[in-house]
């Protein structure tokens, strides 16, 4: 297995070991492209200010590889939004997280001092949108708001574990879905990605102010129960929505407690989560040519009339399903 140790930073000095040890190429001081025998793709990176930068990691791994971010005295936070097709392994403090679009975890808030190992899945697309923000700037942004006990809880969690993993909220997913199909070098790629970084940061800060963190304020047993109901929804996605009453019973909770906990963790009601997962499945079925009839797909997935399905699809993904069929 190939191993690459590197640091991370707001500026671009983190790229040096990629170039020197694995022969990555830097193009236009913003693209870090991998040798084709290792990865198909690479990284787009951009310094937005002395306190803020972004990186879009977009590749398909062809060989087993470990990216090891070594511990350093780094004064920044990572925000990681991971919509990878497969499940990549993130290892921090001897904890192993399966991270990706189909995983229980696809969002990370990580202390820059933490050592982290990332092992990408071979043969599937890795797509991770990362924002690096200086801690002093982050504190400046949240200073006007009184976060009360929540600020204490998340700070204690970060101090002990140096990381927090959760689920990408629905608003951020909409932002990401509008850019995930864009390729390096596309027209306006840089501009759209920069705008998306500011939007994602804004949504994160808004949620930080408005909501408490589920995994910090609830018992692990409740967390496990909510994750299991999520798995049940996915496993029965072809069927009509099973209802909150059934899901709450499966979780061993009252309906009120279940709905509150589910939204705390996933940022969505159970019904909206179910609908979005069906839309994601519909997109996959169209892209893989398993369906070429929108009306039939809409019926099979219990969306009702095809015009309503097409409207929902375009609203969420930013593309008409007919365009995928006709591509």
Protein backbone atom coordinates (compact mmCIF):
# COMPACT_ATOMS: atom_id res chain seq x y z
CA UNK A 1 0.00 0.00 0.00
CA UNK A 2 1.22 3.51 -0.84
CA UNK A 3 1.54 5.81 2.17
CA UNK A 4 1.91 9.57 2.05
CA UNK A 5 2.55 11.66 5.14
CA UNK A 6 1.78 15.35 4.88
CA UNK A 7 0.79 18.40 6.86
CA UNK A 8 -2.25 20.55 6.21
CA UNK A 9 -2.45 24.31 6.28
CA UNK A 10 -4.46 27.26 5.09
CA UNK A 11 -1.75 28.11 2.56
CA UNK A 12 -0.55 25.75 -0.19
CA UNK A 13 2.64 24.40 1.43
CA UNK A 14 0.74 21.14 2.13
CA UNK A 15 1.11 20.26 -1.57
CA UNK A 16 4.90 19.80 -1.40
CA UNK A 17 5.08 16.09 -0.37
CA UNK A 18 2.46 15.18 -2.99
CA UNK A 19 4.73 16.60 -5.68
CA UNK A 20 8.06 15.38 -4.29
CA UNK A 21 7.07 11.87 -3.22
CA UNK A 22 4.25 10.84 -5.58
CA UNK A 23 4.94 13.04 -8.63
CA UNK A 24 1.67 14.97 -8.49
CA UNK A 25 1.60 17.95 -10.87
CA UNK A 26 0.59 21.50 -9.95
CA UNK A 27 -1.32 23.27 -12.71
CA UNK A 28 -1.95 27.04 -12.64
CA UNK A 29 -1.23 27.09 -8.90
CA UNK A 30 -4.72 25.76 -8.18
CA UNK A 31 -4.94 22.16 -9.44
CA UNK A 32 -3.00 19.28 -7.88
CA UNK A 33 -3.30 16.40 -10.33
CA UNK A 34 -2.27 12.85 -9.52
CA UNK A 35 -0.34 10.37 -11.69
CA UNK A 36 -2.94 8.41 -13.62
CA UNK A 37 -1.71 5.06 -12.32
CA UNK A 38 -2.49 6.12 -8.72
CA UNK A 39 -5.57 8.33 -8.93
CA UNK A 40 -7.81 9.58 -11.69
CA UNK A 41 -8.27 13.21 -10.70
CA UNK A 42 -6.85 15.31 -7.91
CA UNK A 43 -7.51 18.47 -5.92
CA UNK A 44 -8.62 22.00 -6.69
CA UNK A 45 -7.41 24.39 -4.00
CA UNK A 46 -7.84 28.11 -3.46
CA UNK A 47 -6.67 30.58 -0.84
CA UNK A 48 -9.64 32.85 -0.15
CA UNK A 49 -7.87 34.98 2.47
CA UNK A 50 -5.11 34.65 5.06
CA UNK A 51 -7.74 33.08 7.32
CA UNK A 52 -9.68 30.91 4.92
CA UNK A 53 -9.06 28.42 2.12
CA UNK A 54 -10.89 25.64 0.31
CA UNK A 55 -10.06 22.36 -1.39
CA UNK A 56 -12.21 20.15 -3.59
CA UNK A 57 -10.93 16.57 -3.58
CA UNK A 58 -12.28 14.75 -6.62
CA UNK A 59 -10.74 11.49 -7.82
CA UNK A 60 -11.08 7.76 -8.28
CA UNK A 61 -8.38 5.73 -6.52
CA UNK A 62 -6.73 3.05 -8.66
CA UNK A 63 -4.32 1.71 -6.04
CA UNK A 64 -4.45 1.19 -2.29
CA UNK A 65 -3.23 4.37 -0.66
CA UNK A 66 -3.19 5.98 2.77
CA UNK A 67 -3.05 9.73 3.19
CA UNK A 68 -1.67 10.44 6.66
CA UNK A 69 -2.08 13.97 7.93
CA UNK A 70 0.51 14.23 10.70
CA UNK A 71 -0.10 16.08 13.94
CA UNK A 72 1.07 19.67 13.94
CA UNK A 73 0.58 22.87 15.88
CA UNK A 74 -2.14 24.03 13.50
CA UNK A 75 -4.41 26.91 14.45
CA UNK A 76 -7.32 26.04 12.17
CA UNK A 77 -10.50 24.02 11.89
CA UNK A 78 -11.55 21.76 9.02
CA UNK A 79 -15.09 21.62 7.73
CA UNK A 80 -15.43 18.48 5.61
CA UNK A 81 -18.45 17.75 3.41
CA UNK A 82 -17.98 14.30 1.91
CA UNK A 83 -20.33 13.08 -0.82
CA UNK A 84 -18.11 10.24 -2.04
CA UNK A 85 -19.85 7.39 -3.87
CA UNK A 86 -18.20 4.76 -1.72
CA UNK A 87 -17.30 4.73 1.96
CA UNK A 88 -13.80 6.00 2.71
CA UNK A 89 -12.14 5.23 6.03
CA UNK A 90 -11.18 8.13 8.28
CA UNK A 91 -9.13 7.14 11.32
CA UNK A 92 -8.66 9.58 14.21
CA UNK A 93 -7.60 8.78 17.77
CA UNK A 94 -8.00 5.05 17.05
CA UNK A 95 -11.63 5.63 15.99
CA UNK A 96 -12.56 4.42 12.52
CA UNK A 97 -15.31 6.27 10.64
CA UNK A 98 -16.81 5.18 7.33
CA UNK A 99 -17.37 8.47 5.58
CA UNK A 100 -19.30 9.09 2.37
CA UNK A 101 -22.65 9.81 0.81
CA UNK A 102 -24.06 6.36 1.70
CA UNK A 103 -22.53 6.33 5.18
CA UNK A 104 -23.90 7.44 8.54
CA UNK A 105 -21.24 10.15 8.49
CA UNK A 106 -20.50 12.60 5.69
CA UNK A 107 -19.69 15.78 7.60
CA UNK A 108 -16.69 16.49 9.79
CA UNK A 109 -15.60 19.37 12.04
CA UNK A 110 -11.98 18.64 12.93
CA UNK A 111 -9.24 20.34 14.87
CA UNK A 112 -6.22 21.05 12.66
CA UNK A 113 -3.92 19.62 15.32
CA UNK A 114 -5.45 16.13 15.01
CA UNK A 115 -3.58 13.35 13.24
CA UNK A 116 -5.85 11.84 10.63
CA UNK A 117 -5.54 8.92 8.25
CA UNK A 118 -7.74 8.73 5.13
CA UNK A 119 -8.00 5.50 3.13
CA UNK A 120 -10.07 5.99 -0.05
CA UNK A 121 -12.20 3.24 -1.52
CA UNK A 122 -10.73 1.87 -4.76
CA UNK A 123 -12.74 2.23 -7.94
CA UNK A 124 -15.41 4.66 -6.70
CA UNK A 125 -15.46 8.41 -6.81
CA UNK A 126 -14.10 10.28 -3.80
CA UNK A 127 -15.63 13.75 -3.55
CA UNK A 128 -14.87 15.91 -0.54
CA UNK A 129 -15.38 19.66 -0.21
CA UNK A 130 -13.14 21.03 2.52
CA UNK A 131 -12.98 24.44 4.11
CA UNK A 132 -10.03 25.38 6.31
CA UNK A 133 -10.63 28.31 8.65
CA UNK A 134 -8.26 29.94 11.13
CA UNK A 135 -9.48 29.52 14.71
CA UNK A 136 -9.18 33.21 15.53
CA UNK A 137 -11.28 34.10 12.49
CA UNK A 138 -13.85 31.44 13.36
CA UNK A 139 -14.13 32.86 16.89
CA UNK A 140 -14.53 36.33 15.41
CA UNK A 141 -17.44 35.13 13.27
CA UNK A 142 -19.32 33.50 16.15
CA UNK A 143 -18.50 36.16 18.79
CA UNK A 144 -21.67 38.24 18.15
CA UNK A 145 -23.82 35.22 19.06
CA UNK A 146 -24.44 33.82 22.50
CA UNK A 147 -23.97 30.08 22.08
CA UNK A 148 -24.31 29.43 25.80
CA UNK A 149 -23.79 25.87 26.94
CA UNK A 150 -23.57 24.58 23.39
CA UNK A 151 -20.30 26.40 22.86
CA UNK A 152 -18.96 24.80 26.04
CA UNK A 153 -20.10 21.32 24.99
CA UNK A 154 -18.60 21.41 21.52
CA UNK A 155 -15.40 22.94 22.86
CA UNK A 156 -15.07 20.18 25.46
CA UNK A 157 -15.73 17.54 22.80
CA UNK A 158 -13.10 18.98 20.47
CA UNK A 159 -10.57 19.33 23.29
CA UNK A 160 -11.01 15.67 24.25
CA UNK A 161 -11.42 14.04 20.84
CA UNK A 162 -10.17 16.71 18.37
CA UNK A 163 -13.04 15.95 15.99
CA UNK A 164 -16.78 15.68 15.47
CA UNK A 165 -18.47 13.64 12.73
CA UNK A 166 -22.09 14.00 11.71
CA UNK A 167 -24.43 14.29 8.75
CA UNK A 168 -24.56 16.96 6.05
CA UNK A 169 -27.68 19.08 6.48
CA UNK A 170 -30.20 19.35 3.63
CA UNK A 171 -29.37 22.96 2.72
CA UNK A 172 -25.67 22.16 2.36
CA UNK A 173 -26.51 19.09 0.27
CA UNK A 174 -28.48 21.24 -2.15
CA UNK A 175 -25.48 23.57 -2.49
CA UNK A 176 -23.12 20.63 -3.05
CA UNK A 177 -25.40 18.86 -5.51
CA UNK A 178 -25.31 21.93 -7.75
CA UNK A 179 -21.53 21.64 -8.15
CA UNK A 180 -20.75 17.94 -7.71
CA UNK A 181 -21.17 17.19 -11.41
CA UNK A 182 -18.83 19.99 -12.46
CA UNK A 183 -15.34 18.99 -13.54
CA UNK A 184 -11.98 20.63 -13.02
CA UNK A 185 -11.51 23.29 -15.68
CA UNK A 186 -15.20 23.69 -16.52
CA UNK A 187 -16.38 27.19 -17.36
CA UNK A 188 -16.80 29.25 -14.17
CA UNK A 189 -15.65 26.28 -12.05
CA UNK A 190 -13.45 28.39 -9.81
CA UNK A 191 -16.08 31.09 -9.31
CA UNK A 192 -18.87 28.62 -8.52
CA UNK A 193 -16.72 26.65 -6.07
CA UNK A 194 -15.64 29.81 -4.23
CA UNK A 195 -19.24 31.00 -3.94
CA UNK A 196 -20.24 27.55 -2.65
CA UNK A 197 -17.54 27.67 0.03
CA UNK A 198 -18.94 30.91 1.44
CA UNK A 199 -22.48 29.54 1.30
CA UNK A 200 -21.50 26.31 3.07
CA UNK A 201 -19.63 28.22 5.77
CA UNK A 202 -22.64 30.49 6.24
CA UNK A 203 -25.01 27.55 6.58
CA UNK A 204 -22.69 25.86 9.09
CA UNK A 205 -22.46 29.00 11.23
CA UNK A 206 -26.23 29.49 11.04
CA UNK A 207 -26.84 25.92 12.17
CA UNK A 208 -24.21 26.28 14.88
CA UNK A 209 -26.12 29.23 16.28
CA UNK A 210 -29.60 27.77 15.84
CA UNK A 211 -29.18 24.11 16.75
CA UNK A 212 -27.45 21.99 19.35
CA UNK A 213 -25.23 19.13 18.23
CA UNK A 214 -27.09 15.83 18.43
CA UNK A 215 -24.15 13.66 19.35
CA UNK A 216 -23.13 16.02 22.14
CA UNK A 217 -26.48 16.36 23.85
CA UNK A 218 -27.98 12.88 23.48
CA UNK A 219 -27.09 9.46 24.80
CA UNK A 220 -25.27 6.98 22.57
CA UNK A 221 -28.21 4.56 22.79
CA UNK A 222 -30.47 7.21 21.25
CA UNK A 223 -27.87 7.92 18.56
CA UNK A 224 -27.67 4.22 17.68
CA UNK A 225 -31.46 3.95 17.56
CA UNK A 226 -31.73 6.92 15.18
CA UNK A 227 -29.00 5.51 12.92
CA UNK A 228 -30.81 2.15 12.81
CA UNK A 229 -34.06 3.80 11.71
CA UNK A 230 -32.11 5.58 8.98
CA UNK A 231 -30.83 2.21 7.81
CA UNK A 232 -34.41 0.85 7.86
CA UNK A 233 -35.58 3.72 5.63
CA UNK A 234 -32.79 3.05 3.13
CA UNK A 235 -33.45 -0.69 3.07
CA UNK A 236 -37.15 -0.12 2.33
CA UNK A 237 -36.77 2.87 0.02
CA UNK A 238 -38.78 1.19 -2.78
CA UNK A 239 -41.78 0.95 -0.49
CA UNK A 240 -44.18 3.74 0.53
CA UNK A 241 -43.04 5.78 3.52
CA UNK A 242 -43.56 3.64 6.63
CA UNK A 243 -44.63 6.54 8.83
CA UNK A 244 -43.28 8.20 11.93
CA UNK A 245 -45.36 6.04 14.26
CA UNK A 246 -43.67 2.86 12.99
CA UNK A 247 -40.17 4.36 13.01
CA UNK A 248 -40.59 5.76 16.50
CA UNK A 249 -41.70 2.33 17.69
CA UNK A 250 -38.61 0.77 16.08
CA UNK A 251 -36.43 3.30 17.91
CA UNK A 252 -38.22 2.71 21.21
CA UNK A 253 -39.23 6.35 21.49
CA UNK A 254 -42.35 8.47 21.54
CA UNK A 255 -43.17 10.07 18.19
CA UNK A 256 -42.36 13.53 19.54
CA UNK A 257 -38.96 12.44 20.88
CA UNK A 258 -38.15 10.49 17.72
CA UNK A 259 -38.97 13.36 15.35
CA UNK A 260 -36.93 15.76 17.46
CA UNK A 261 -33.92 13.44 17.67
CA UNK A 262 -34.03 12.49 13.99
CA UNK A 263 -34.03 16.12 12.90
CA UNK A 264 -31.27 16.95 15.39
CA UNK A 265 -28.98 14.40 13.79
CA UNK A 266 -29.91 14.53 10.08
CA UNK A 267 -31.24 18.08 9.88
CA UNK A 268 -34.41 16.75 8.25
CA UNK A 269 -37.74 15.29 9.21
CA UNK A 270 -38.00 11.52 8.59
CA UNK A 271 -40.40 12.09 5.68
CA UNK A 272 -38.12 14.61 3.95
CA UNK A 273 -35.11 12.37 4.51
CA UNK A 274 -37.04 9.50 2.87
CA UNK A 275 -37.97 11.68 -0.10
CA UNK A 276 -34.38 12.88 -0.64
CA UNK A 277 -33.00 9.35 -0.46
CA UNK A 278 -35.53 8.30 -3.11
CA UNK A 279 -34.42 11.19 -5.32
CA UNK A 280 -30.80 10.08 -4.95
CA UNK A 281 -31.78 6.55 -5.92
CA UNK A 282 -33.74 7.85 -8.90
CA UNK A 283 -30.71 9.80 -10.10
CA UNK A 284 -28.49 6.72 -9.79
CA UNK A 285 -31.00 4.57 -11.73
CA UNK A 286 -31.19 7.14 -14.53
CA UNK A 287 -27.43 7.65 -14.75
CA UNK A 288 -26.78 3.91 -14.89
CA UNK A 289 -29.46 3.53 -17.62
CA UNK A 290 -31.52 1.12 -15.55
CA UNK A 291 -34.52 3.32 -16.36
CA UNK A 292 -35.13 5.41 -19.45
CA UNK A 293 -38.79 6.23 -18.81
CA UNK A 294 -39.47 9.00 -16.30
CA UNK A 295 -43.11 8.10 -15.86
CA UNK A 296 -42.29 4.47 -15.07
CA UNK A 297 -39.53 5.43 -12.62
CA UNK A 298 -41.79 7.94 -10.89
CA UNK A 299 -44.47 5.29 -10.46
CA UNK A 300 -42.11 2.57 -9.25
CA UNK A 301 -40.63 4.87 -6.61
CA UNK A 302 -44.06 6.08 -5.47
CA UNK A 303 -43.50 9.70 -6.47
CA UNK A 304 -46.91 9.99 -8.09
CA UNK A 305 -47.27 11.96 -11.31
CA UNK A 306 -44.11 12.34 -13.36
CA UNK A 307 -44.29 16.17 -13.71
CA UNK A 308 -44.23 16.49 -9.91
CA UNK A 309 -41.31 14.07 -9.74
CA UNK A 310 -39.41 16.01 -12.43
CA UNK A 311 -39.99 19.26 -10.54
CA UNK A 312 -38.69 17.79 -7.25
CA UNK A 313 -35.72 16.24 -9.05
CA UNK A 314 -34.68 19.51 -10.69
CA UNK A 315 -35.22 21.47 -7.50
CA UNK A 316 -32.86 19.18 -5.59
CA UNK A 317 -30.20 18.34 -8.20
CA UNK A 318 -30.39 21.40 -10.44
CA UNK A 319 -30.95 19.26 -13.55
CA UNK A 320 -34.03 17.93 -15.31
CA UNK A 321 -34.27 14.10 -15.19
CA UNK A 322 -35.15 14.11 -18.91
CA UNK A 323 -31.74 15.65 -19.62
CA UNK A 324 -30.08 12.59 -18.03
CA UNK A 325 -32.25 10.23 -20.06
CA UNK A 326 -31.43 12.07 -23.29
CA UNK A 327 -27.71 12.46 -22.57
